[in-house]
Amino acid sequence: MTSTALLLTAALLFLLAVVIGVVMVVVLSRHPRHAFPAHTEDPREILRRRYAAGEIDEAEYLRRLSTLANS
């Protein structure tokens, strides 16, 4: 490979990297990331669902419900 061809190849790879970088910046800037979801579910509803699914027993359900009511 001649030095001209090597230089041309390097320049094209650099240009391709720049174009890919610009495209990534544009795409990522259109999708803002939020630290918290826009809509959070009610803690009491989560608790009801976990109790209904059998993940927690009645005593745990009532204890956590009381904690939510007092906060």
PDB file of N, CA and C in Angstrom:
ATOM      1  N   MET A   1       0.844  -1.179   0.000  1.00  0.00           N
ATOM      2  CA  MET A   1       0.000   0.000   0.000  1.00  0.00           C
ATOM      3  C   MET A   1       0.894   1.250   0.000  1.00  0.00           C
ATOM      4  N   THR A   2       0.581   2.170  -0.822  1.00  0.00           N
ATOM      5  CA  THR A   2       1.383   3.388  -0.890  1.00  0.00           C
ATOM      6  C   THR A   2       1.011   4.321   0.251  1.00  0.00           C
ATOM      7  N   SER A   3       1.851   5.276   0.490  1.00  0.00           N
ATOM      8  CA  SER A   3       1.593   6.218   1.583  1.00  0.00           C
ATOM      9  C   SER A   3       0.353   7.064   1.304  1.00  0.00           C
ATOM     10  N   THR A   4       0.070   7.337   0.048  1.00  0.00           N
ATOM     11  CA  THR A   4      -1.126   8.111  -0.305  1.00  0.00           C
ATOM     12  C   THR A   4      -2.392   7.311   0.000  1.00  0.00           C
ATOM     13  N   ALA A   5      -2.382   6.044  -0.345  1.00  0.00           N
ATOM     14  CA  ALA A   5      -3.541   5.193  -0.076  1.00  0.00           C
ATOM     15  C   ALA A   5      -3.747   5.024   1.429  1.00  0.00           C
ATOM     16  N   LEU A   6      -2.646   4.886   2.158  1.00  0.00           N
ATOM     17  CA  LEU A   6      -2.734   4.746   3.614  1.00  0.00           C
ATOM     18  C   LEU A   6      -3.291   6.016   4.251  1.00  0.00           C
ATOM     19  N   LEU A   7      -2.839   7.151   3.775  1.00  0.00           N
ATOM     20  CA  LEU A   7      -3.329   8.432   4.284  1.00  0.00           C
ATOM     21  C   LEU A   7      -4.811   8.615   3.962  1.00  0.00           C
ATOM     22  N   LEU A   8      -5.204   8.252   2.754  1.00  0.00           N
ATOM     23  CA  LEU A   8      -6.605   8.357   2.346  1.00  0.00           C
ATOM     24  C   LEU A   8      -7.487   7.438   3.190  1.00  0.00           C
ATOM     25  N   THR A   9      -7.030   6.224   3.443  1.00  0.00           N
ATOM     26  CA  THR A   9      -7.783   5.274   4.275  1.00  0.00           C
ATOM     27  C   THR A   9      -7.940   5.818   5.693  1.00  0.00           C
ATOM     28  N   ALA A  10      -6.872   6.357   6.253  1.00  0.00           N
ATOM     29  CA  ALA A  10      -6.929   6.918   7.599  1.00  0.00           C
ATOM     30  C   ALA A  10      -7.898   8.102   7.659  1.00  0.00           C
ATOM     31  N   ALA A  11      -7.875   8.937   6.636  1.00  0.00           N
ATOM     32  CA  ALA A  11      -8.764  10.098   6.593  1.00  0.00           C
ATOM     33  C   ALA A  11     -10.221   9.666   6.492  1.00  0.00           C
ATOM     34  N   LEU A  12     -10.493   8.641   5.690  1.00  0.00           N
ATOM     35  CA  LEU A  12     -11.871   8.144   5.566  1.00  0.00           C
ATOM     36  C   LEU A  12     -12.354   7.512   6.871  1.00  0.00           C
ATOM     37  N   LEU A  13     -11.501   6.759   7.548  1.00  0.00           N
ATOM     38  CA  LEU A  13     -11.882   6.171   8.841  1.00  0.00           C
ATOM     39  C   LEU A  13     -12.156   7.256   9.880  1.00  0.00           C
ATOM     40  N   PHE A  14     -11.331   8.302   9.873  1.00  0.00           N
ATOM     41  CA  PHE A  14     -11.546   9.415  10.798  1.00  0.00           C
ATOM     42  C   PHE A  14     -12.869  10.112  10.494  1.00  0.00           C
ATOM     43  N   LEU A  15     -13.144  10.351   9.231  1.00  0.00           N
ATOM     44  CA  LEU A  15     -14.401  10.990   8.832  1.00  0.00           C
ATOM     45  C   LEU A  15     -15.589  10.122   9.231  1.00  0.00           C
ATOM     46  N   LEU A  16     -15.477   8.825   9.037  1.00  0.00           N
ATOM     47  CA  LEU A  16     -16.549   7.911   9.430  1.00  0.00           C
ATOM     48  C   LEU A  16     -16.777   7.960  10.940  1.00  0.00           C
ATOM     49  N   ALA A  17     -15.716   8.004  11.722  1.00  0.00           N
ATOM     50  CA  ALA A  17     -15.843   8.092  13.175  1.00  0.00           C
ATOM     51  C   ALA A  17     -16.526   9.396  13.582  1.00  0.00           C
ATOM     52  N   VAL A  18     -16.196  10.489  12.927  1.00  0.00           N
ATOM     53  CA  VAL A  18     -16.820  11.781  13.227  1.00  0.00           C
ATOM     54  C   VAL A  18     -18.315  11.739  12.901  1.00  0.00           C
ATOM     55  N   VAL A  19     -18.663  11.193  11.750  1.00  0.00           N
ATOM     56  CA  VAL A  19     -20.077  11.109  11.357  1.00  0.00           C
ATOM     57  C   VAL A  19     -20.850  10.237  12.347  1.00  0.00           C
ATOM     58  N   ILE A  20     -20.297   9.090  12.729  1.00  0.00           N
ATOM     59  CA  ILE A  20     -20.967   8.218  13.706  1.00  0.00           C
ATOM     60  C   ILE A  20     -21.127   8.942  15.035  1.00  0.00           C
ATOM     61  N   GLY A  21     -20.117   9.679  15.455  1.00  0.00           N
ATOM     62  CA  GLY A  21     -20.206  10.433  16.709  1.00  0.00           C
ATOM     63  C   GLY A  21     -21.302  11.492  16.665  1.00  0.00           C
ATOM     64  N   VAL A  22     -21.404  12.210  15.572  1.00  0.00           N
ATOM     65  CA  VAL A  22     -22.434  13.243  15.426  1.00  0.00           C
ATOM     66  C   VAL A  22     -23.823  12.611  15.446  1.00  0.00           C
ATOM     67  N   VAL A  23     -23.987  11.511  14.731  1.00  0.00           N
ATOM     68  CA  VAL A  23     -25.284  10.829  14.707  1.00  0.00           C
ATOM     69  C   VAL A  23     -25.661  10.363  16.116  1.00  0.00           C
ATOM     70  N   MET A  24     -24.707   9.807  16.851  1.00  0.00           N
ATOM     71  CA  MET A  24     -24.998   9.348  18.220  1.00  0.00           C
ATOM     72  C   MET A  24     -25.409  10.504  19.131  1.00  0.00           C
ATOM     73  N   VAL A  25     -24.729  11.634  19.012  1.00  0.00           N
ATOM     74  CA  VAL A  25     -25.076  12.792  19.837  1.00  0.00           C
ATOM     75  C   VAL A  25     -26.494  13.267  19.520  1.00  0.00           C
ATOM     76  N   VAL A  26     -26.833  13.328  18.253  1.00  0.00           N
ATOM     77  CA  VAL A  26     -28.170  13.777  17.860  1.00  0.00           C
ATOM     78  C   VAL A  26     -29.231  12.810  18.365  1.00  0.00           C
ATOM     79  N   VAL A  27     -29.016  11.520  18.173  1.00  0.00           N
ATOM     80  CA  VAL A  27     -30.009  10.520  18.600  1.00  0.00           C
ATOM     81  C   VAL A  27     -30.169  10.521  20.112  1.00  0.00           C
ATOM     82  N   LEU A  28     -29.078  10.540  20.848  1.00  0.00           N
ATOM     83  CA  LEU A  28     -29.162  10.509  22.309  1.00  0.00           C
ATOM     84  C   LEU A  28     -29.727  11.796  22.889  1.00  0.00           C
ATOM     85  N   SER A  29     -29.529  12.914  22.221  1.00  0.00           N
ATOM     86  CA  SER A  29     -30.059  14.173  22.739  1.00  0.00           C
ATOM     87  C   SER A  29     -31.573  14.275  22.547  1.00  0.00           C
ATOM     88  N   ARG A  30     -32.123  13.483  21.653  1.00  0.00           N
ATOM     89  CA  ARG A  30     -33.577  13.505  21.428  1.00  0.00           C
ATOM     90  C   ARG A  30     -34.325  12.660  22.450  1.00  0.00           C
ATOM     91  N   HIS A  31     -33.631  11.804  23.183  1.00  0.00           N
ATOM     92  CA  HIS A  31     -34.260  10.941  24.188  1.00  0.00           C
ATOM     93  C   HIS A  31     -33.704  11.294  25.566  1.00  0.00           C
ATOM     94  N   PRO A  32     -34.280  12.311  26.217  1.00  0.00           N
ATOM     95  CA  PRO A  32     -33.751  12.706  27.521  1.00  0.00           C
ATOM     96  C   PRO A  32     -33.966  11.610  28.558  1.00  0.00           C
ATOM     97  N   ARG A  33     -33.009  11.453  29.405  1.00  0.00           N
ATOM     98  CA  ARG A  33     -33.106  10.460  30.476  1.00  0.00           C
ATOM     99  C   ARG A  33     -33.598  11.156  31.733  1.00  0.00           C
ATOM    100  N   HIS A  34     -34.550  10.517  32.408  1.00  0.00           N
ATOM    101  CA  HIS A  34     -35.089  11.069  33.650  1.00  0.00           C
ATOM    102  C   HIS A  34     -34.610  10.214  34.815  1.00  0.00           C
ATOM    103  N   ALA A  35     -34.253  10.881  35.898  1.00  0.00           N
ATOM    104  CA  ALA A  35     -33.821  10.146  37.080  1.00  0.00           C
ATOM    105  C   ALA A  35     -34.990   9.385  37.690  1.00  0.00           C
ATOM    106  N   PHE A  36     -36.178   9.942  37.576  1.00  0.00           N
ATOM    107  CA  PHE A  36     -37.370   9.315  38.126  1.00  0.00           C
ATOM    108  C   PHE A  36     -38.413   9.177  37.032  1.00  0.00           C
ATOM    109  N   PRO A  37     -39.196   8.109  37.091  1.00  0.00           N
ATOM    110  CA  PRO A  37     -40.248   7.979  36.074  1.00  0.00           C
ATOM    111  C   PRO A  37     -41.260   9.117  36.190  1.00  0.00           C
ATOM    112  N   ALA A  38     -41.892   9.460  35.072  1.00  0.00           N
ATOM    113  CA  ALA A  38     -42.852  10.559  35.067  1.00  0.00           C
ATOM    114  C   ALA A  38     -44.073  10.226  35.932  1.00  0.00           C
ATOM    115  N   HIS A  39     -44.477   8.974  35.924  1.00  0.00           N
ATOM    116  CA  HIS A  39     -45.642   8.561  36.700  1.00  0.00           C
ATOM    117  C   HIS A  39     -45.221   7.471  37.665  1.00  0.00           C
ATOM    118  N   THR A  40     -45.317   7.770  38.958  1.00  0.00           N
ATOM    119  CA  THR A  40     -44.978   6.746  39.948  1.00  0.00           C
ATOM    120  C   THR A  40     -46.248   6.098  40.452  1.00  0.00           C
ATOM    121  N   GLU A  41     -46.153   4.824  40.706  1.00  0.00           N
ATOM    122  CA  GLU A  41     -47.302   4.063  41.173  1.00  0.00           C
ATOM    123  C   GLU A  41     -47.538   4.326  42.657  1.00  0.00           C
ATOM    124  N   ASP A  42     -48.789   4.308  43.068  1.00  0.00           N
ATOM    125  CA  ASP A  42     -49.158   4.524  44.456  1.00  0.00           C
ATOM    126  C   ASP A  42     -48.611   3.373  45.312  1.00  0.00           C
ATOM    127  N   PRO A  43     -47.891   3.677  46.389  1.00  0.00           N
ATOM    128  CA  PRO A  43     -47.338   2.619  47.243  1.00  0.00           C
ATOM    129  C   PRO A  43     -48.412   1.686  47.808  1.00  0.00           C
ATOM    130  N   ARG A  44     -49.586   2.226  48.090  1.00  0.00           N
ATOM    131  CA  ARG A  44     -50.656   1.373  48.620  1.00  0.00           C
ATOM    132  C   ARG A  44     -51.126   0.350  47.575  1.00  0.00           C
ATOM    133  N   GLU A  45     -51.123   0.777  46.310  1.00  0.00           N
ATOM    134  CA  GLU A  45     -51.513  -0.144  45.236  1.00  0.00           C
ATOM    135  C   GLU A  45     -50.469  -1.251  45.064  1.00  0.00           C
ATOM    136  N   ILE A  46     -49.223  -0.893  45.156  1.00  0.00           N
ATOM    137  CA  ILE A  46     -48.156  -1.897  45.086  1.00  0.00           C
ATOM    138  C   ILE A  46     -48.308  -2.887  46.229  1.00  0.00           C
ATOM    139  N   LEU A  47     -48.569  -2.357  47.421  1.00  0.00           N
ATOM    140  CA  LEU A  47     -48.755  -3.212  48.597  1.00  0.00           C
ATOM    141  C   LEU A  47     -49.950  -4.149  48.420  1.00  0.00           C
ATOM    142  N   ARG A  48     -51.067  -3.619  47.914  1.00  0.00           N
ATOM    143  CA  ARG A  48     -52.252  -4.459  47.677  1.00  0.00           C
ATOM    144  C   ARG A  48     -51.951  -5.572  46.680  1.00  0.00           C
ATOM    145  N   ARG A  49     -51.237  -5.215  45.632  1.00  0.00           N
ATOM    146  CA  ARG A  49     -50.914  -6.204  44.606  1.00  0.00           C
ATOM    147  C   ARG A  49     -49.995  -7.296  45.154  1.00  0.00           C
ATOM    148  N   ARG A  50     -49.027  -6.925  45.969  1.00  0.00           N
ATOM    149  CA  ARG A  50     -48.118  -7.920  46.557  1.00  0.00           C
ATOM    150  C   ARG A  50     -48.858  -8.836  47.521  1.00  0.00           C
ATOM    151  N   TYR A  51     -49.808  -8.282  48.278  1.00  0.00           N
ATOM    152  CA  TYR A  51     -50.605  -9.096  49.191  1.00  0.00           C
ATOM    153  C   TYR A  51     -51.498 -10.052  48.402  1.00  0.00           C
ATOM    154  N   ALA A  52     -52.120  -9.550  47.352  1.00  0.00           N
ATOM    155  CA  ALA A  52     -53.002 -10.389  46.528  1.00  0.00           C
ATOM    156  C   ALA A  52     -52.217 -11.504  45.834  1.00  0.00           C
ATOM    157  N   ALA A  53     -50.966 -11.244  45.477  1.00  0.00           N
ATOM    158  CA  ALA A  53     -50.149 -12.251  44.804  1.00  0.00           C
ATOM    159  C   ALA A  53     -49.545 -13.252  45.782  1.00  0.00           C
ATOM    160  N   GLY A  54     -49.715 -12.981  47.084  1.00  0.00           N
ATOM    161  CA  GLY A  54     -49.170 -13.898  48.088  1.00  0.00           C
ATOM    162  C   GLY A  54     -47.710 -13.661  48.400  1.00  0.00           C
ATOM    163  N   GLU A  55     -47.164 -12.534  47.984  1.00  0.00           N
ATOM    164  CA  GLU A  55     -45.760 -12.232  48.257  1.00  0.00           C
ATOM    165  C   GLU A  55     -45.540 -11.875  49.720  1.00  0.00           C
ATOM    166  N   ILE A  56     -46.554 -11.297  50.354  1.00  0.00           N
ATOM    167  CA  ILE A  56     -46.480 -10.959  51.779  1.00  0.00           C
ATOM    168  C   ILE A  56     -47.735 -11.484  52.458  1.00  0.00           C
ATOM    169  N   ASP A  57     -47.618 -11.761  53.764  1.00  0.00           N
ATOM    170  CA  ASP A  57     -48.794 -12.261  54.496  1.00  0.00           C
ATOM    171  C   ASP A  57     -49.606 -11.093  55.053  1.00  0.00           C
ATOM    172  N   GLU A  58     -50.723 -11.416  55.713  1.00  0.00           N
ATOM    173  CA  GLU A  58     -51.635 -10.376  56.197  1.00  0.00           C
ATOM    174  C   GLU A  58     -50.977  -9.480  57.236  1.00  0.00           C
ATOM    175  N   ALA A  59     -50.192 -10.078  58.138  1.00  0.00           N
ATOM    176  CA  ALA A  59     -49.530  -9.283  59.180  1.00  0.00           C
ATOM    177  C   ALA A  59     -48.574  -8.265  58.553  1.00  0.00           C
ATOM    178  N   GLU A  60     -47.808  -8.715  57.580  1.00  0.00           N
ATOM    179  CA  GLU A  60     -46.875  -7.812  56.895  1.00  0.00           C
ATOM    180  C   GLU A  60     -47.636  -6.733  56.128  1.00  0.00           C
ATOM    181  N   TYR A  61     -48.728  -7.124  55.476  1.00  0.00           N
ATOM    182  CA  TYR A  61     -49.561  -6.168  54.745  1.00  0.00           C
ATOM    183  C   TYR A  61     -50.072  -5.076  55.680  1.00  0.00           C
ATOM    184  N   LEU A  62     -50.635  -5.483  56.817  1.00  0.00           N
ATOM    185  CA  LEU A  62     -51.201  -4.515  57.763  1.00  0.00           C
ATOM    186  C   LEU A  62     -50.118  -3.630  58.376  1.00  0.00           C
ATOM    187  N   ARG A  63     -48.946  -4.221  58.672  1.00  0.00           N
ATOM    188  CA  ARG A  63     -47.854  -3.439  59.249  1.00  0.00           C
ATOM    189  C   ARG A  63     -47.384  -2.368  58.263  1.00  0.00           C
ATOM    190  N   ARG A  64     -47.202  -2.758  57.022  1.00  0.00           N
ATOM    191  CA  ARG A  64     -46.719  -1.800  56.020  1.00  0.00           C
ATOM    192  C   ARG A  64     -47.805  -0.759  55.687  1.00  0.00           C
ATOM    193  N   LEU A  65     -49.056  -1.179  55.662  1.00  0.00           N
ATOM    194  CA  LEU A  65     -50.150  -0.231  55.420  1.00  0.00           C
ATOM    195  C   LEU A  65     -50.213   0.809  56.533  1.00  0.00           C
ATOM    196  N   SER A  66     -50.017   0.369  57.765  1.00  0.00           N
ATOM    197  CA  SER A  66     -49.996   1.289  58.906  1.00  0.00           C
ATOM    198  C   SER A  66     -48.815   2.266  58.786  1.00  0.00           C
ATOM    199  N   THR A  67     -47.682   1.772  58.366  1.00  0.00           N
ATOM    200  CA  THR A  67     -46.518   2.625  58.193  1.00  0.00           C
ATOM    201  C   THR A  67     -46.783   3.692  57.123  1.00  0.00           C
ATOM    202  N   LEU A  68     -47.433   3.287  56.044  1.00  0.00           N
ATOM    203  CA  LEU A  68     -47.762   4.260  54.989  1.00  0.00           C
ATOM    204  C   LEU A  68     -48.766   5.288  55.472  1.00  0.00           C
ATOM    205  N   ALA A  69     -49.736   4.865  56.276  1.00  0.00           N
ATOM    206  CA  ALA A  69     -50.754   5.777  56.773  1.00  0.00           C
ATOM    207  C   ALA A  69     -50.153   6.822  57.728  1.00  0.00           C
ATOM    208  N   ASN A  70     -49.096   6.422  58.455  1.00  0.00           N
ATOM    209  CA  ASN A  70     -48.486   7.325  59.424  1.00  0.00           C
ATOM    210  C   ASN A  70     -47.434   8.242  58.806  1.00  0.00           C
ATOM    211  N   SER A  71     -47.095   8.030  57.581  1.00  0.00           N
ATOM    212  CA  SER A  71     -46.050   8.881  56.979  1.00  0.00           C
ATOM    213  C   SER A  71     -46.640   9.984  56.125  1.00  0.00           C
TER     214      SER A  71
END
